[in-house]
Amino acid sequence: MVEAQGFRRFVAHFILWIGIAIVAFPVYLAFVASTQDAASIANGQMSLLPGSHLIENYTKTIFVGSSGSTREPVGVMLFNSLVMALAIAIGKIAISILSAYSIVYFRFPFRMAIFWMIFITLMLPVEVRIYPTYKIAADFGMLDSYAGLTLPLIASATATLLFRQFFMTVPDELLEASRLDGAGPLRFFWDTLLPLSRTNMAALFVILFIYGWNQYLWPLLITTRDDMQTVVIGIRKMITTTDALTEWPIVMCTAVLAMLPPVAVVILMQRLFVRGLVETEK
C-alpha cells in the first residue's frame, strides 16, 4: 500500500513538473533570446543557453530603445504602464468600496435601482463602448495624457459587487457598537470596514493591476505620441512587418521586462491574495 501511494505521488508530481515546464519554457526562451545577438536569432542559430550580450541588450532596451516604429526607451514605456496599472487598480478599489459602502449602509431613494444600473454595466466592457468613451476623452482633451489612459477605465462594477457582498456579511452589531461609541459614518468606514476589507482589497489589487498593465486596445487609441505609449503597445510596434530586420533581442528584453512588475506584485501580495480569495470567515 505504501509503495502504491508513493508511485501515485511520483506520477502526480511528474505530471505537475511537465505542466510547469510547458508554461516556463517560453519564458526561459524569451530570456535566452534577450541575451543573444540579433544575427544569431535571425539566422536561427540561437543557443538554448544564455548568451554574452545580457548587460548590453538590457541597457540599450531600457535607456535607448528600438530603432523600429517606436523610438522611445522602454524605461519610459514601463513607467507609463506602471502609472496606468497603479491608477486603475487604486482608483477602481477606491471608487468601488465607497460605492458599495453607500449602497449597503445608507438608505436613499432608488438605492437598489442605482446598484442594478452599476451591475448592468458588466455587460458593457470598454470594447463595446469604445467610440463614445473615446469621444468623451477627446472632447475633454485627455488624449496623450495619464488621465486619458486611466480615468475612462476606473469604474468597476465587479469590484462594487464584491465589496457589497462582503459588507452584507459584516455583523450589524459592529455598526451598533460604533454608534454607541459616538463614531460617525466616516469613522465607522475608516476604523472598522477598511481593516476588515484588507484581504479583499489585496486580492482585487492584484487582479486589477494585471488588468491595467495588460491593456492594449484603449492605450492604442488614446495615445499618439511615443512618449505616452505603454510597454504592451511598444512590443507590438517593435515587431516590424516590412523588410526591415526586427531587433529580436530588444523585443525579447522588452517582453521579459514587461513580465517583471505583474510577477512582483503577485509574489509580494501572494499571501493576502490567497486569503482574499478563499477566506470565508471575516
Protein backbone atom coordinates (compact mmCIF):
# COMPACT_ATOMS: atom_id res chain seq x y z
CA MET A 1 0.00 0.00 0.00
CA VAL A 2 2.83 2.39 0.90
CA GLU A 3 4.59 1.64 -2.38
CA ALA A 4 1.36 2.23 -4.33
CA GLN A 5 0.85 5.60 -2.64
CA GLY A 6 4.47 6.53 -3.34
CA PHE A 7 4.08 5.63 -7.01
CA ARG A 8 0.88 7.67 -7.33
CA ARG A 9 2.59 10.62 -5.67
CA PHE A 10 5.50 10.29 -8.09
CA VAL A 11 3.16 10.22 -11.09
CA ALA A 12 1.25 13.25 -9.81
CA HIS A 13 4.48 15.21 -9.26
CA PHE A 14 5.80 14.16 -12.66
CA ILE A 15 2.65 15.44 -14.38
CA LEU A 16 2.87 18.71 -12.45
CA TRP A 17 6.50 19.18 -13.43
CA ILE A 18 5.58 18.62 -17.08
CA GLY A 19 2.94 21.31 -16.78
CA ILE A 20 5.42 23.69 -15.17
CA ALA A 21 7.96 23.01 -17.93
CA ILE A 22 5.38 23.71 -20.66
CA VAL A 23 4.47 27.04 -19.06
CA ALA A 24 8.02 28.09 -18.11
CA PHE A 25 9.87 27.11 -21.30
CA PRO A 26 8.60 30.05 -23.44
CA VAL A 27 9.59 32.45 -20.65
CA TYR A 28 13.04 30.88 -20.46
CA LEU A 29 13.35 31.04 -24.25
CA ALA A 30 12.47 34.75 -24.21
CA PHE A 31 15.14 35.37 -21.58
CA VAL A 32 17.75 33.42 -23.54
CA ALA A 33 16.87 35.33 -26.72
CA SER A 34 17.27 38.60 -24.84
CA THR A 35 20.92 37.73 -24.18
CA GLN A 36 21.81 36.83 -27.78
CA ASP A 37 22.90 38.98 -30.69
CA ALA A 38 20.46 39.82 -33.48
CA ALA A 39 22.32 37.82 -36.15
CA SER A 40 22.12 34.55 -34.22
CA ILE A 41 18.37 34.87 -33.75
CA ALA A 42 17.74 35.95 -37.37
CA ASN A 43 19.78 33.03 -38.73
CA GLY A 44 18.04 30.50 -36.49
CA GLN A 45 21.30 29.70 -34.69
CA MET A 46 20.23 30.79 -31.23
CA SER A 47 21.61 28.73 -28.39
CA LEU A 48 19.44 27.36 -25.61
CA LEU A 49 21.91 28.76 -23.09
CA PRO A 50 22.15 32.44 -22.14
CA GLY A 51 24.48 34.46 -24.33
CA SER A 52 27.04 37.14 -23.56
CA HIS A 53 25.00 40.22 -24.51
CA LEU A 54 22.77 40.42 -21.42
CA ILE A 55 24.01 43.72 -19.99
CA GLU A 56 24.41 45.29 -23.42
CA ASN A 57 20.91 44.36 -24.61
CA TYR A 58 19.10 45.33 -21.43
CA THR A 59 20.97 48.64 -21.15
CA LYS A 60 20.08 49.51 -24.73
CA THR A 61 16.47 48.43 -24.20
CA ILE A 62 15.88 50.47 -21.05
CA PHE A 63 17.77 53.65 -21.97
CA VAL A 64 17.87 53.73 -25.79
CA GLY A 65 15.05 51.60 -27.17
CA SER A 66 14.43 50.06 -30.56
CA SER A 67 15.05 51.62 -33.96
CA GLY A 68 11.70 50.33 -35.23
CA SER A 69 8.33 52.09 -35.24
CA THR A 70 8.73 53.34 -31.68
CA ARG A 71 11.77 55.41 -30.76
CA GLU A 72 11.25 55.84 -27.04
CA PRO A 73 13.31 53.94 -24.45
CA VAL A 74 11.50 51.02 -22.88
CA GLY A 75 12.07 52.60 -19.48
CA VAL A 76 9.59 55.34 -20.43
CA MET A 77 7.04 52.75 -21.59
CA LEU A 78 7.44 50.78 -18.37
CA PHE A 79 6.82 53.94 -16.35
CA ASN A 80 3.68 54.70 -18.38
CA SER A 81 2.40 51.16 -17.87
CA LEU A 82 3.16 51.35 -14.14
CA VAL A 83 1.29 54.64 -13.74
CA MET A 84 -1.66 53.27 -15.70
CA ALA A 85 -1.83 49.98 -13.80
CA LEU A 86 -1.48 51.59 -10.36
CA ALA A 87 -4.01 54.33 -11.11
CA ILE A 88 -6.55 51.85 -12.47
CA ALA A 89 -6.13 49.41 -9.58
CA ILE A 90 -6.19 52.01 -6.80
CA GLY A 91 -8.93 54.05 -8.48
CA LYS A 92 -11.20 51.06 -9.06
CA ILE A 93 -10.81 49.91 -5.45
CA ALA A 94 -11.39 53.39 -4.01
CA ILE A 95 -14.49 54.13 -6.08
CA SER A 96 -15.92 50.63 -5.71
CA ILE A 97 -15.53 50.40 -1.94
CA LEU A 98 -17.17 53.81 -1.46
CA SER A 99 -20.00 52.89 -3.83
CA ALA A 100 -20.60 49.59 -2.06
CA TYR A 101 -20.48 51.30 1.35
CA SER A 102 -23.10 53.86 0.35
CA ILE A 103 -25.39 51.21 -1.15
CA VAL A 104 -25.24 48.92 1.89
CA TYR A 105 -25.20 51.36 4.82
CA PHE A 106 -27.20 54.35 3.58
CA ARG A 107 -30.90 54.49 2.84
CA PHE A 108 -31.71 56.84 -0.03
CA PRO A 109 -34.27 56.81 -2.88
CA PHE A 110 -33.59 54.41 -5.78
CA ARG A 111 -30.71 52.82 -3.89
CA MET A 112 -31.21 49.35 -5.39
CA ALA A 113 -32.01 50.78 -8.82
CA ILE A 114 -28.62 52.50 -8.81
CA PHE A 115 -26.94 49.28 -7.75
CA TRP A 116 -28.56 47.36 -10.60
CA MET A 117 -27.56 50.09 -13.03
CA ILE A 118 -23.97 49.61 -11.89
CA PHE A 119 -24.34 45.83 -12.16
CA ILE A 120 -25.69 46.04 -15.73
CA THR A 121 -22.50 47.78 -16.85
CA LEU A 122 -20.81 44.37 -16.56
CA MET A 123 -22.37 43.67 -19.96
CA LEU A 124 -20.78 46.81 -21.41
CA PRO A 125 -16.98 46.41 -21.34
CA VAL A 126 -14.75 49.10 -22.78
CA GLU A 127 -14.60 47.31 -26.15
CA VAL A 128 -18.38 47.69 -26.54
CA ARG A 129 -18.49 51.38 -25.61
CA ILE A 130 -15.17 52.25 -27.21
CA TYR A 131 -16.44 55.01 -29.54
CA PRO A 132 -18.43 57.10 -27.02
CA THR A 133 -15.67 56.67 -24.43
CA TYR A 134 -13.04 57.86 -26.90
CA LYS A 135 -15.27 60.76 -27.99
CA ILE A 136 -15.71 61.96 -24.41
CA ALA A 137 -11.99 61.61 -23.67
CA ALA A 138 -11.13 63.58 -26.81
CA ASP A 139 -13.68 66.31 -26.02
CA PHE A 140 -12.17 66.74 -22.56
CA GLY A 141 -8.66 66.97 -24.01
CA MET A 142 -7.42 63.77 -22.40
CA LEU A 143 -5.62 62.36 -25.45
CA ASP A 144 -1.95 61.57 -24.83
CA SER A 145 -2.29 62.04 -21.07
CA TYR A 146 -2.27 59.87 -17.97
CA ALA A 147 -5.81 61.00 -17.23
CA GLY A 148 -6.92 59.68 -20.62
CA LEU A 149 -5.16 56.37 -20.01
CA THR A 150 -6.73 55.79 -16.61
CA LEU A 151 -9.95 57.70 -15.88
CA PRO A 152 -12.18 56.01 -18.51
CA LEU A 153 -11.22 52.58 -17.11
CA ILE A 154 -11.53 53.32 -13.39
CA ALA A 155 -15.19 52.42 -12.79
CA SER A 156 -15.66 48.75 -11.87
CA ALA A 157 -18.99 47.01 -11.39
CA THR A 158 -17.25 43.77 -10.45
CA ALA A 159 -15.36 45.30 -7.53
CA THR A 160 -18.51 47.13 -6.38
CA LEU A 161 -20.43 43.85 -6.37
CA LEU A 162 -17.70 42.03 -4.43
CA PHE A 163 -17.43 44.76 -1.78
CA ARG A 164 -21.22 44.94 -1.46
CA GLN A 165 -21.46 41.19 -0.88
CA PHE A 166 -18.72 41.39 1.73
CA PHE A 167 -20.26 44.35 3.57
CA MET A 168 -23.55 42.47 3.78
CA THR A 169 -21.76 39.73 5.77
CA VAL A 170 -20.43 42.21 8.37
CA PRO A 171 -22.49 41.80 11.59
CA ASP A 172 -24.86 44.64 12.37
CA GLU A 173 -23.56 44.58 15.94
CA LEU A 174 -20.35 46.26 14.73
CA LEU A 175 -22.34 49.17 13.35
CA GLU A 176 -24.34 49.45 16.56
CA ALA A 177 -21.19 49.33 18.68
CA SER A 178 -19.63 52.10 16.57
CA ARG A 179 -22.74 54.24 17.03
CA LEU A 180 -22.65 53.70 20.80
CA ASP A 181 -19.01 54.83 20.80
CA GLY A 182 -20.04 58.02 19.03
CA ALA A 183 -18.45 57.12 15.69
CA GLY A 184 -19.94 58.69 12.59
CA PRO A 185 -20.27 57.07 9.16
CA LEU A 186 -16.75 58.02 8.05
CA ARG A 187 -15.20 56.83 11.33
CA PHE A 188 -17.04 53.50 11.08
CA PHE A 189 -15.87 53.13 7.49
CA TRP A 190 -12.24 54.02 8.26
CA ASP A 191 -11.78 52.20 11.58
CA THR A 192 -13.97 49.13 11.04
CA LEU A 193 -14.75 48.32 7.43
CA LEU A 194 -11.40 49.17 5.87
CA PRO A 195 -9.36 46.88 8.19
CA LEU A 196 -11.86 44.07 7.62
CA SER A 197 -11.62 44.59 3.84
CA ARG A 198 -7.83 44.39 3.72
CA THR A 199 -7.63 40.91 2.18
CA ASN A 200 -10.40 41.69 -0.30
CA MET A 201 -8.62 44.83 -1.41
CA ALA A 202 -5.34 42.93 -1.78
CA ALA A 203 -6.93 40.26 -3.96
CA LEU A 204 -8.65 42.87 -6.11
CA PHE A 205 -5.47 44.94 -6.35
CA VAL A 206 -3.53 42.04 -7.84
CA ILE A 207 -6.26 41.27 -10.37
CA LEU A 208 -6.85 44.91 -11.32
CA PHE A 209 -3.13 45.74 -11.53
CA ILE A 210 -2.62 42.95 -14.06
CA TYR A 211 -5.78 44.08 -15.88
CA GLY A 212 -4.44 47.62 -16.19
CA TRP A 213 -0.92 46.50 -17.09
CA ASN A 214 -2.11 44.28 -19.95
CA GLN A 215 -4.42 46.86 -21.54
CA TYR A 216 -3.85 47.07 -25.29
CA LEU A 217 -6.87 48.46 -27.18
CA TRP A 218 -7.50 51.56 -25.08
CA PRO A 219 -3.86 52.78 -24.90
CA LEU A 220 -3.58 52.13 -28.64
CA LEU A 221 -6.47 54.51 -29.30
CA ILE A 222 -5.85 57.18 -26.68
CA THR A 223 -2.11 57.71 -27.33
CA THR A 224 -0.45 59.03 -30.46
CA ARG A 225 2.90 60.15 -29.05
CA ASP A 226 5.68 57.65 -28.47
CA ASP A 227 6.45 59.08 -25.03
CA MET A 228 2.94 58.16 -23.81
CA GLN A 229 2.81 54.60 -25.10
CA THR A 230 2.69 51.64 -22.75
CA VAL A 231 5.05 48.70 -22.91
CA VAL A 232 2.40 46.40 -24.42
CA ILE A 233 1.98 48.80 -27.35
CA GLY A 234 5.75 49.16 -27.60
CA ILE A 235 6.29 45.42 -28.03
CA ARG A 236 3.81 45.32 -30.88
CA LYS A 237 5.40 48.28 -32.66
CA MET A 238 8.88 46.84 -32.32
CA ILE A 239 7.89 43.84 -34.42
CA THR A 240 8.07 45.23 -37.93
CA THR A 241 6.18 43.82 -40.90
CA THR A 242 8.37 45.42 -43.56
CA ASP A 243 11.69 44.27 -44.95
CA ALA A 244 13.50 45.89 -42.05
CA LEU A 245 15.05 43.45 -39.64
CA THR A 246 13.24 43.22 -36.33
CA GLU A 247 15.59 43.70 -33.39
CA TRP A 248 14.57 40.50 -31.67
CA PRO A 249 16.97 40.82 -28.71
CA ILE A 250 15.40 44.20 -27.88
CA VAL A 251 11.91 42.77 -28.34
CA MET A 252 12.68 39.86 -26.03
CA CYS A 253 14.28 42.15 -23.44
CA THR A 254 11.13 44.26 -23.51
CA ALA A 255 8.94 41.16 -23.13
CA VAL A 256 10.96 39.98 -20.12
CA LEU A 257 10.87 43.43 -18.51
CA ALA A 258 7.12 43.66 -19.14
CA MET A 259 6.59 40.44 -17.19
CA LEU A 260 8.51 41.53 -14.10
CA PRO A 261 6.11 44.07 -12.45
CA PRO A 262 3.00 41.79 -12.54
CA VAL A 263 5.08 38.88 -11.27
CA ALA A 264 6.50 41.04 -8.48
CA VAL A 265 3.00 42.18 -7.44
CA VAL A 266 1.74 38.59 -7.33
CA ILE A 267 4.74 37.39 -5.32
CA LEU A 268 4.70 40.28 -2.83
CA MET A 269 0.94 40.07 -2.24
CA GLN A 270 0.53 36.32 -2.62
CA ARG A 271 -0.45 35.66 0.99
CA LEU A 272 -3.10 38.38 1.12
CA PHE A 273 -4.27 37.49 -2.38
CA VAL A 274 -4.93 33.86 -1.46
CA ARG A 275 -6.61 34.83 1.82
CA GLY A 276 -8.83 37.28 0.00
CA LEU A 277 -9.99 34.57 -2.40
CA VAL A 278 -10.53 31.66 -0.02
CA GLU A 279 -11.23 33.24 3.37
CA THR A 280 -14.86 32.73 4.34
CA GLU A 281 -14.97 33.96 7.97
CA LYS A 282 -14.31 37.66 8.24
